[in-house]
């Protein structure tokens, strides 16, 4: 969400750049630079705000559990890999702290939380 808001701020700065360049009589390419800057900022803002509000959003940093937010690219392009990763995660590792566990464990040996 912060990237979307930052993109909106960048677009506003681009508008100010374009207005300033035109009012000062700068060469036309300076005003075109401002217009290109605005266009890129708007595209990025739309993408980031859409991504922030979707159910299964893409994150460059894996900061959530795979069960909470599946990897959208794996779901679309390689569902078998996604299913294998999900099965491996559910059966071999604690979803809370990442400690290796056996399939018959009911609680994690490190953090003590109940395993799914």
Protein backbone atom coordinates (compact mmCIF):
# COMPACT_ATOMS: atom_id res chain seq x y z
CA UNK A 1 0.00 0.00 0.00
CA UNK A 2 2.88 2.36 0.78
CA UNK A 3 4.24 1.92 -2.76
CA UNK A 4 0.87 2.93 -4.19
CA UNK A 5 0.72 6.05 -2.05
CA UNK A 6 4.34 6.88 -2.94
CA UNK A 7 3.48 6.54 -6.63
CA UNK A 8 0.65 9.03 -6.23
CA UNK A 9 3.05 11.49 -4.58
CA UNK A 10 5.53 10.97 -7.43
CA UNK A 11 2.76 11.70 -9.96
CA UNK A 12 1.97 14.97 -8.18
CA UNK A 13 5.67 15.92 -8.29
CA UNK A 14 5.67 15.05 -12.01
CA UNK A 15 2.74 17.40 -12.59
CA UNK A 16 4.59 20.18 -10.74
CA UNK A 17 7.72 19.43 -12.82
CA UNK A 18 5.78 19.66 -16.08
CA UNK A 19 4.01 22.88 -15.10
CA UNK A 20 7.31 24.40 -13.93
CA UNK A 21 9.15 23.38 -17.10
CA UNK A 22 6.46 24.83 -19.37
CA UNK A 23 6.10 28.07 -17.38
CA UNK A 24 9.87 28.69 -17.37
CA UNK A 25 10.17 28.18 -21.11
CA UNK A 26 12.35 25.08 -20.81
CA UNK A 27 13.00 22.96 -23.92
CA UNK A 28 10.03 20.73 -24.88
CA UNK A 29 11.84 17.50 -23.93
CA UNK A 30 11.86 18.67 -20.30
CA UNK A 31 8.06 18.88 -20.30
CA UNK A 32 7.87 15.47 -22.05
CA UNK A 33 10.10 14.07 -19.33
CA UNK A 34 7.55 15.25 -16.77
CA UNK A 35 4.67 13.69 -18.73
CA UNK A 36 6.52 10.35 -18.98
CA UNK A 37 7.24 10.55 -15.26
CA UNK A 38 3.53 11.06 -14.54
CA UNK A 39 2.49 8.17 -16.81
CA UNK A 40 4.91 5.74 -15.14
CA UNK A 41 3.82 6.86 -11.68
CA UNK A 42 0.13 6.38 -12.52
CA UNK A 43 0.76 2.88 -13.94
CA UNK A 44 2.77 1.93 -10.86
CA UNK A 45 0.16 3.40 -8.51
CA UNK A 46 -2.67 1.44 -10.15
CA UNK A 47 -0.65 -1.79 -9.99
CA UNK A 48 0.44 -1.32 -6.36
CA UNK A 49 -2.96 -0.25 -5.05
CA UNK A 50 -4.64 -3.14 -6.89
CA UNK A 51 -2.03 -5.56 -5.54
CA UNK A 52 -2.45 -4.26 -1.99
CA UNK A 53 -6.21 -4.79 -2.00
CA UNK A 54 -6.39 -8.21 -3.71
CA UNK A 55 -7.04 -11.39 -1.74
CA UNK A 56 -3.96 -13.23 -3.09
CA UNK A 57 -1.47 -10.42 -3.57
CA UNK A 58 2.11 -10.75 -4.75
CA UNK A 59 4.81 -9.91 -2.24
CA UNK A 60 8.49 -9.59 -3.13
CA UNK A 61 9.26 -10.48 0.47
CA UNK A 62 7.79 -13.72 1.80
CA UNK A 63 6.51 -12.37 5.10
CA UNK A 64 3.41 -14.52 5.44
CA UNK A 65 2.74 -18.20 5.85
CA UNK A 66 2.15 -20.02 2.57
CA UNK A 67 -1.26 -21.15 3.83
CA UNK A 68 -2.35 -17.56 4.46
CA UNK A 69 -1.28 -16.22 1.07
CA UNK A 70 -0.32 -18.69 -1.66
CA UNK A 71 2.22 -17.69 -4.29
CA UNK A 72 0.08 -16.48 -7.19
CA UNK A 73 2.70 -17.38 -9.80
CA UNK A 74 2.93 -20.98 -8.58
CA UNK A 75 -0.84 -21.26 -8.59
CA UNK A 76 -1.06 -20.04 -12.17
CA UNK A 77 2.02 -21.48 -13.86
CA UNK A 78 3.02 -24.50 -11.79
CA UNK A 79 0.20 -25.81 -9.58
CA UNK A 80 1.97 -29.14 -9.02
CA UNK A 81 4.97 -27.35 -7.47
CA UNK A 82 2.63 -25.25 -5.32
CA UNK A 83 0.85 -28.38 -4.06
CA UNK A 84 4.19 -30.12 -3.35
CA UNK A 85 5.48 -27.11 -1.40
CA UNK A 86 2.23 -26.86 0.56
CA UNK A 87 2.31 -30.58 1.40
CA UNK A 88 5.97 -30.39 2.43
CA UNK A 89 5.35 -27.32 4.59
CA UNK A 90 2.34 -28.83 6.31
CA UNK A 91 3.98 -32.15 7.10
CA UNK A 92 7.66 -31.42 7.77
CA UNK A 93 7.91 -27.97 9.36
CA UNK A 94 6.20 -25.93 12.04
CA UNK A 95 4.22 -23.16 10.27
CA UNK A 96 4.92 -20.76 13.15
CA UNK A 97 8.68 -21.02 13.71
CA UNK A 98 9.94 -23.21 10.83
CA UNK A 99 11.41 -25.98 12.99
CA UNK A 100 11.54 -29.42 11.39
CA UNK A 101 8.88 -31.75 12.80
CA UNK A 102 7.77 -35.32 12.31
CA UNK A 103 4.35 -36.09 10.84
CA UNK A 104 3.10 -37.65 14.08
CA UNK A 105 3.99 -34.62 16.27
CA UNK A 106 1.00 -32.79 17.72
CA UNK A 107 3.01 -29.85 19.12
CA UNK A 108 6.19 -28.10 17.94
CA UNK A 109 9.27 -29.06 19.93
CA UNK A 110 10.69 -25.52 19.73
CA UNK A 111 7.80 -23.04 20.10
CA UNK A 112 5.25 -25.42 21.66
CA UNK A 113 2.36 -24.35 19.44
CA UNK A 114 -0.18 -26.92 18.25
CA UNK A 115 0.62 -28.15 14.75
CA UNK A 116 -2.12 -28.17 12.09
